[in-house]
Amino acid sequence: MIKIFAYDDSQECLNSMRILIELSENMKYIGEALNCEHVEAEMEAYQPDVVLMDINMPVVDGIAGLKIIKSKFPQINVLVQTAFDDSEKVFRSISSGASGYILKSDNPRRILQAIEEIYEGGAFMNPAIAKRVLEYFQPTAEQKLLTQKEQEVLKLLSNGLSYKMIADKLEISYSTVNTHIKHIYNKLHVSSLGEAVSWYFKNIKE
């Protein structure tokens, strides 16, 4: 039997999930909570195989709860479930150790399939979310336009180096640095160093 604990700030959603799990022959619904305030104690007490984790909850949200679970109980698999397909939240969830990601709008069969797959050591992601994750990691059109040298110049600018320091570091002339920066401004459609640096931190810097 796959033991399942669920977190969701909607009691209605928890009730629906409990009914779905109880109809499955190989799963057992062992507990639930409206947020992750007591997640460590709950994991210690219930020892679930799989946790169904809502993201947007009050007090302590799902991503914070996920991080606690994976740091204290790495053997527990967490399936993140949300009503939103926000790319950044998906990325944060996966980076924090989630084994899968589904939408609350997914049909019951897909939810059960996801639980079984991550219990068996696999990973599961709603197809629409998988597409967004791929898009999240793809470079922007502007970034593709910048040459490797222009990206290097922009990185050094963002690190606070002057034109002269950049010229010395890259072993190019001052005028060449100035030309690269003009090209960067034109390609990014910006008109100041501040705008260029802001774009860098938003789109390139990890």
C-alpha atoms as a PDB file:
ATOM      1  CA  MET A   1       0.000   0.000   0.000  1.00  0.00           C
ATOM      2  CA  ILE A   2       1.260   3.467  -0.908  1.00  0.00           C
ATOM      3  CA  LYS A   3       0.814   5.690   2.164  1.00  0.00           C
ATOM      4  CA  ILE A   4      -0.194   9.242   1.239  1.00  0.00           C
ATOM      5  CA  PHE A   5      -0.276  12.461   3.254  1.00  0.00           C
ATOM      6  CA  ALA A   6      -1.807  15.591   1.687  1.00  0.00           C
ATOM      7  CA  TYR A   7      -1.295  19.327   2.233  1.00  0.00           C
ATOM      8  CA  ASP A   8      -3.809  21.856   0.932  1.00  0.00           C
ATOM      9  CA  ASP A   9      -5.397  24.989   2.374  1.00  0.00           C
ATOM     10  CA  SER A  10      -8.741  23.939   0.855  1.00  0.00           C
ATOM     11  CA  GLN A  11     -10.624  21.370   2.911  1.00  0.00           C
ATOM     12  CA  GLU A  12     -12.801  20.703  -0.135  1.00  0.00           C
ATOM     13  CA  CYS A  13      -9.716  19.740  -2.166  1.00  0.00           C
ATOM     14  CA  LEU A  14      -8.485  17.518   0.651  1.00  0.00           C
ATOM     15  CA  ASN A  15     -11.855  15.788   0.844  1.00  0.00           C
ATOM     16  CA  SER A  16     -11.833  15.138  -2.905  1.00  0.00           C
ATOM     17  CA  MET A  17      -8.299  13.777  -2.748  1.00  0.00           C
ATOM     18  CA  ARG A  18      -9.153  11.509   0.176  1.00  0.00           C
ATOM     19  CA  ILE A  19     -12.113  10.046  -1.720  1.00  0.00           C
ATOM     20  CA  LEU A  20      -9.957   9.483  -4.818  1.00  0.00           C
ATOM     21  CA  ILE A  21      -7.211   7.753  -2.826  1.00  0.00           C
ATOM     22  CA  GLU A  22      -9.650   5.587  -0.863  1.00  0.00           C
ATOM     23  CA  LEU A  23     -11.091   4.280  -4.148  1.00  0.00           C
ATOM     24  CA  SER A  24      -7.651   3.059  -5.188  1.00  0.00           C
ATOM     25  CA  GLU A  25      -6.827  -0.494  -4.112  1.00  0.00           C
ATOM     26  CA  ASN A  26      -3.082   0.050  -3.689  1.00  0.00           C
ATOM     27  CA  MET A  27      -3.160   3.407  -1.851  1.00  0.00           C
ATOM     28  CA  LYS A  28      -3.963   4.532   1.665  1.00  0.00           C
ATOM     29  CA  TYR A  29      -4.798   8.109   2.727  1.00  0.00           C
ATOM     30  CA  ILE A  30      -3.110   8.467   6.112  1.00  0.00           C
ATOM     31  CA  GLY A  31      -3.390  12.162   6.953  1.00  0.00           C
ATOM     32  CA  GLU A  32      -3.749  15.766   5.892  1.00  0.00           C
ATOM     33  CA  ALA A  33      -3.026  19.366   6.936  1.00  0.00           C
ATOM     34  CA  LEU A  34      -4.043  22.864   5.817  1.00  0.00           C
ATOM     35  CA  ASN A  35      -0.441  24.154   5.729  1.00  0.00           C
ATOM     36  CA  CYS A  36       3.120  23.071   6.482  1.00  0.00           C
ATOM     37  CA  GLU A  37       3.473  24.715   9.888  1.00  0.00           C
ATOM     38  CA  HIS A  38       4.034  21.338  11.592  1.00  0.00           C
ATOM     39  CA  VAL A  39       5.426  19.449   8.606  1.00  0.00           C
ATOM     40  CA  GLU A  40       8.441  17.963  10.387  1.00  0.00           C
ATOM     41  CA  ALA A  41       6.353  16.553  13.241  1.00  0.00           C
ATOM     42  CA  GLU A  42       3.736  15.237  10.795  1.00  0.00           C
ATOM     43  CA  MET A  43       6.320  13.458   8.648  1.00  0.00           C
ATOM     44  CA  GLU A  44       7.862  11.945  11.782  1.00  0.00           C
ATOM     45  CA  ALA A  45       4.489  10.731  13.035  1.00  0.00           C
ATOM     46  CA  TYR A  46       2.939   9.448   9.789  1.00  0.00           C
ATOM     47  CA  GLN A  47       5.985   8.366   7.728  1.00  0.00           C
ATOM     48  CA  PRO A  48       4.191   8.613   4.360  1.00  0.00           C
ATOM     49  CA  ASP A  49       5.561   7.213   1.116  1.00  0.00           C
ATOM     50  CA  VAL A  50       4.233  10.110  -0.943  1.00  0.00           C
ATOM     51  CA  VAL A  51       3.221  13.630   0.014  1.00  0.00           C
ATOM     52  CA  LEU A  52       0.760  15.566  -2.142  1.00  0.00           C
ATOM     53  CA  MET A  53       1.852  19.177  -1.715  1.00  0.00           C
ATOM     54  CA  ASP A  54      -0.118  22.298  -2.558  1.00  0.00           C
ATOM     55  CA  ILE A  55       2.121  25.342  -3.147  1.00  0.00           C
ATOM     56  CA  ASN A  56       0.027  28.336  -2.150  1.00  0.00           C
ATOM     57  CA  MET A  57      -0.872  27.935   1.509  1.00  0.00           C
ATOM     58  CA  PRO A  58      -0.881  30.406   4.431  1.00  0.00           C
ATOM     59  CA  VAL A  59       1.566  30.436   7.371  1.00  0.00           C
ATOM     60  CA  VAL A  60       4.080  27.996   5.839  1.00  0.00           C
ATOM     61  CA  ASP A  61       3.671  27.344   2.111  1.00  0.00           C
ATOM     62  CA  GLY A  62       4.334  24.252   0.051  1.00  0.00           C
ATOM     63  CA  ILE A  63       7.798  25.139  -1.208  1.00  0.00           C
ATOM     64  CA  ALA A  64       9.026  25.776   2.349  1.00  0.00           C
ATOM     65  CA  GLY A  65       7.414  22.510   3.440  1.00  0.00           C
ATOM     66  CA  LEU A  66       8.997  20.664   0.518  1.00  0.00           C
ATOM     67  CA  LYS A  67      12.459  21.900   1.490  1.00  0.00           C
ATOM     68  CA  ILE A  68      11.960  20.735   5.087  1.00  0.00           C
ATOM     69  CA  ILE A  69      10.763  17.298   3.991  1.00  0.00           C
ATOM     70  CA  LYS A  70      13.652  16.729   1.590  1.00  0.00           C
ATOM     71  CA  SER A  71      16.246  17.887   4.117  1.00  0.00           C
ATOM     72  CA  LYS A  72      14.885  15.836   7.031  1.00  0.00           C
ATOM     73  CA  PHE A  73      13.173  12.927   5.253  1.00  0.00           C
ATOM     74  CA  PRO A  74      14.850  12.497   1.832  1.00  0.00           C
ATOM     75  CA  GLN A  75      13.193   9.103   1.332  1.00  0.00           C
ATOM     76  CA  ILE A  76       9.724  10.688   1.164  1.00  0.00           C
ATOM     77  CA  ASN A  77       8.632  11.511  -2.396  1.00  0.00           C
ATOM     78  CA  VAL A  78       6.789  14.797  -2.870  1.00  0.00           C
ATOM     79  CA  LEU A  79       4.285  15.391  -5.665  1.00  0.00           C
ATOM     80  CA  VAL A  80       3.603  19.111  -6.002  1.00  0.00           C
ATOM     81  CA  GLN A  81       0.018  19.956  -6.899  1.00  0.00           C
ATOM     82  CA  THR A  82      -1.238  23.429  -7.692  1.00  0.00           C
ATOM     83  CA  ALA A  83      -3.919  25.336  -9.541  1.00  0.00           C
ATOM     84  CA  PHE A  84      -1.255  27.480 -11.209  1.00  0.00           C
ATOM     85  CA  ASP A  85       1.262  26.624 -13.932  1.00  0.00           C
ATOM     86  CA  ASP A  86       3.711  29.361 -12.946  1.00  0.00           C
ATOM     87  CA  SER A  87       7.113  28.534 -14.451  1.00  0.00           C
ATOM     88  CA  GLU A  88       9.134  30.064 -11.645  1.00  0.00           C
ATOM     89  CA  LYS A  89       7.241  28.130  -8.957  1.00  0.00           C
ATOM     90  CA  VAL A  90       7.626  24.938 -10.958  1.00  0.00           C
ATOM     91  CA  PHE A  91      11.370  25.549 -11.193  1.00  0.00           C
ATOM     92  CA  ARG A  92      11.649  26.329  -7.476  1.00  0.00           C
ATOM     93  CA  SER A  93       9.709  23.179  -6.599  1.00  0.00           C
ATOM     94  CA  ILE A  94      11.847  20.952  -8.784  1.00  0.00           C
ATOM     95  CA  SER A  95      15.037  22.604  -7.516  1.00  0.00           C
ATOM     96  CA  SER A  96      13.877  21.936  -3.958  1.00  0.00           C
ATOM     97  CA  GLY A  97      13.515  18.201  -4.588  1.00  0.00           C
ATOM     98  CA  ALA A  98       9.985  17.610  -5.870  1.00  0.00           C
ATOM     99  CA  SER A  99       9.591  14.276  -7.652  1.00  0.00           C
ATOM    100  CA  GLY A 100       6.703  15.451  -9.787  1.00  0.00           C
ATOM    101  CA  TYR A 101       4.377  18.316 -10.592  1.00  0.00           C
ATOM    102  CA  ILE A 102       0.681  18.159 -11.489  1.00  0.00           C
ATOM    103  CA  LEU A 103      -2.180  20.612 -11.815  1.00  0.00           C
ATOM    104  CA  LYS A 104      -5.306  20.393  -9.696  1.00  0.00           C
ATOM    105  CA  SER A 105      -7.237  20.353 -12.958  1.00  0.00           C
ATOM    106  CA  ASP A 106      -5.555  17.082 -13.993  1.00  0.00           C
ATOM    107  CA  ASN A 107      -7.967  14.184 -14.261  1.00  0.00           C
ATOM    108  CA  PRO A 108      -8.077  11.604 -11.426  1.00  0.00           C
ATOM    109  CA  ARG A 109      -6.390   8.923 -13.520  1.00  0.00           C
ATOM    110  CA  ARG A 110      -3.386  11.160 -14.159  1.00  0.00           C
ATOM    111  CA  ILE A 111      -3.095  12.035 -10.467  1.00  0.00           C
ATOM    112  CA  LEU A 112      -3.078   8.363  -9.470  1.00  0.00           C
ATOM    113  CA  GLN A 113      -0.582   7.602 -12.232  1.00  0.00           C
ATOM    114  CA  ALA A 114       1.686  10.372 -10.952  1.00  0.00           C
ATOM    115  CA  ILE A 115       1.556   8.999  -7.398  1.00  0.00           C
ATOM    116  CA  GLU A 116       2.436   5.500  -8.574  1.00  0.00           C
ATOM    117  CA  GLU A 117       5.278   6.679 -10.790  1.00  0.00           C
ATOM    118  CA  ILE A 118       7.065   8.739  -8.151  1.00  0.00           C
ATOM    119  CA  TYR A 119       6.511   5.988  -5.549  1.00  0.00           C
ATOM    120  CA  GLU A 120       8.335   3.610  -7.876  1.00  0.00           C
ATOM    121  CA  GLY A 121      11.242   6.038  -8.150  1.00  0.00           C
ATOM    122  CA  GLY A 122      10.268   7.798 -11.324  1.00  0.00           C
ATOM    123  CA  ALA A 123       9.322  11.398 -12.014  1.00  0.00           C
ATOM    124  CA  PHE A 124       6.078  12.815 -13.315  1.00  0.00           C
ATOM    125  CA  MET A 125       5.205  16.150 -14.830  1.00  0.00           C
ATOM    126  CA  ASN A 126       2.006  17.423 -16.372  1.00  0.00           C
ATOM    127  CA  PRO A 127       2.747  17.874 -20.131  1.00  0.00           C
ATOM    128  CA  ALA A 128       1.742  21.554 -20.126  1.00  0.00           C
ATOM    129  CA  ILE A 129       4.065  22.181 -17.185  1.00  0.00           C
ATOM    130  CA  ALA A 130       6.902  20.251 -18.847  1.00  0.00           C
ATOM    131  CA  LYS A 131       6.612  22.608 -21.833  1.00  0.00           C
ATOM    132  CA  ARG A 132       6.817  25.646 -19.556  1.00  0.00           C
ATOM    133  CA  VAL A 133       9.888  24.258 -17.802  1.00  0.00           C
ATOM    134  CA  LEU A 134      11.637  23.811 -21.142  1.00  0.00           C
ATOM    135  CA  GLU A 135      10.705  27.369 -22.092  1.00  0.00           C
ATOM    136  CA  TYR A 136      12.016  28.597 -18.733  1.00  0.00           C
ATOM    137  CA  PHE A 137      15.481  27.277 -19.535  1.00  0.00           C
ATOM    138  CA  GLN A 138      15.571  28.473 -23.131  1.00  0.00           C
ATOM    139  CA  PRO A 139      17.526  31.698 -23.738  1.00  0.00           C
ATOM    140  CA  THR A 140      15.523  34.777 -24.610  1.00  0.00           C
ATOM    141  CA  ALA A 141      15.539  36.086 -28.177  1.00  0.00           C
ATOM    142  CA  GLU A 142      17.721  39.008 -27.095  1.00  0.00           C
ATOM    143  CA  GLN A 143      20.226  36.717 -25.422  1.00  0.00           C
ATOM    144  CA  LYS A 144      20.483  34.679 -28.620  1.00  0.00           C
ATOM    145  CA  LEU A 145      21.274  37.900 -30.502  1.00  0.00           C
ATOM    146  CA  LEU A 146      24.211  38.784 -28.264  1.00  0.00           C
ATOM    147  CA  THR A 147      27.518  37.327 -29.367  1.00  0.00           C
ATOM    148  CA  GLN A 148      29.671  35.458 -26.870  1.00  0.00           C
ATOM    149  CA  LYS A 149      32.006  38.464 -26.612  1.00  0.00           C
ATOM    150  CA  GLU A 150      29.085  40.837 -26.052  1.00  0.00           C
ATOM    151  CA  GLN A 151      27.794  38.620 -23.259  1.00  0.00           C
ATOM    152  CA  GLU A 152      31.269  38.633 -21.684  1.00  0.00           C
ATOM    153  CA  VAL A 153      31.389  42.447 -21.865  1.00  0.00           C
ATOM    154  CA  LEU A 154      27.906  42.743 -20.359  1.00  0.00           C
ATOM    155  CA  LYS A 155      28.842  40.352 -17.557  1.00  0.00           C
ATOM    156  CA  LEU A 156      31.935  42.395 -16.685  1.00  0.00           C
ATOM    157  CA  LEU A 157      29.917  45.612 -16.807  1.00  0.00           C
ATOM    158  CA  SER A 158      27.409  44.033 -14.435  1.00  0.00           C
ATOM    159  CA  ASN A 159      30.276  43.128 -12.107  1.00  0.00           C
ATOM    160  CA  GLY A 160      31.181  46.814 -11.877  1.00  0.00           C
ATOM    161  CA  LEU A 161      34.211  46.935 -14.180  1.00  0.00           C
ATOM    162  CA  SER A 162      34.966  50.118 -16.125  1.00  0.00           C
ATOM    163  CA  TYR A 163      35.424  50.211 -19.903  1.00  0.00           C
ATOM    164  CA  LYS A 164      39.208  50.359 -19.430  1.00  0.00           C
ATOM    165  CA  MET A 165      39.225  47.438 -16.976  1.00  0.00           C
ATOM    166  CA  ILE A 166      37.130  45.391 -19.401  1.00  0.00           C
ATOM    167  CA  ALA A 167      39.533  46.222 -22.231  1.00  0.00           C
ATOM    168  CA  ASP A 168      42.487  45.086 -20.124  1.00  0.00           C
ATOM    169  CA  LYS A 169      40.766  41.908 -18.933  1.00  0.00           C
ATOM    170  CA  LEU A 170      39.627  40.832 -22.405  1.00  0.00           C
ATOM    171  CA  GLU A 171      42.836  42.104 -24.032  1.00  0.00           C
ATOM    172  CA  ILE A 172      40.998  44.292 -26.513  1.00  0.00           C
ATOM    173  CA  SER A 173      41.098  48.027 -27.171  1.00  0.00           C
ATOM    174  CA  TYR A 174      38.991  50.619 -25.374  1.00  0.00           C
ATOM    175  CA  SER A 175      37.277  51.513 -28.647  1.00  0.00           C
ATOM    176  CA  THR A 176      36.382  47.844 -29.236  1.00  0.00           C
ATOM    177  CA  VAL A 177      34.740  47.698 -25.802  1.00  0.00           C
ATOM    178  CA  ASN A 178      32.810  50.839 -26.665  1.00  0.00           C
ATOM    179  CA  THR A 179      31.677  49.259 -29.953  1.00  0.00           C
ATOM    180  CA  HIS A 180      30.512  46.088 -28.165  1.00  0.00           C
ATOM    181  CA  ILE A 181      28.509  48.160 -25.687  1.00  0.00           C
ATOM    182  CA  LYS A 182      26.835  50.146 -28.477  1.00  0.00           C
ATOM    183  CA  HIS A 183      25.820  46.849 -30.095  1.00  0.00           C
ATOM    184  CA  ILE A 184      24.498  45.566 -26.749  1.00  0.00           C
ATOM    185  CA  TYR A 185      22.370  48.693 -26.288  1.00  0.00           C
ATOM    186  CA  ASN A 186      20.954  48.374 -29.805  1.00  0.00           C
ATOM    187  CA  LYS A 187      20.158  44.656 -29.500  1.00  0.00           C
ATOM    188  CA  LEU A 188      18.561  44.954 -26.054  1.00  0.00           C
ATOM    189  CA  HIS A 189      16.719  48.161 -26.984  1.00  0.00           C
ATOM    190  CA  VAL A 190      18.131  49.985 -23.950  1.00  0.00           C
ATOM    191  CA  SER A 191      19.736  53.399 -23.670  1.00  0.00           C
ATOM    192  CA  SER A 192      21.710  53.285 -20.442  1.00  0.00           C
ATOM    193  CA  LEU A 193      24.191  51.158 -18.517  1.00  0.00           C
ATOM    194  CA  GLY A 194      21.627  50.719 -15.727  1.00  0.00           C
ATOM    195  CA  GLU A 195      19.064  49.237 -18.116  1.00  0.00           C
ATOM    196  CA  ALA A 196      21.634  46.892 -19.658  1.00  0.00           C
ATOM    197  CA  VAL A 197      22.813  45.672 -16.245  1.00  0.00           C
ATOM    198  CA  SER A 198      19.213  45.238 -15.091  1.00  0.00           C
ATOM    199  CA  TRP A 199      18.487  43.115 -18.180  1.00  0.00           C
ATOM    200  CA  TYR A 200      21.578  41.003 -17.452  1.00  0.00           C
ATOM    201  CA  PHE A 201      20.564  40.207 -13.889  1.00  0.00           C
ATOM    202  CA  LYS A 202      17.024  39.408 -14.974  1.00  0.00           C
ATOM    203  CA  ASN A 203      17.821  37.241 -17.996  1.00  0.00           C
ATOM    204  CA  ILE A 204      21.310  35.793 -17.766  1.00  0.00           C
ATOM    205  CA  LYS A 205      22.821  35.793 -14.278  1.00  0.00           C
ATOM    206  CA  GLU A 206      22.007  32.577 -12.383  1.00  0.00           C
END
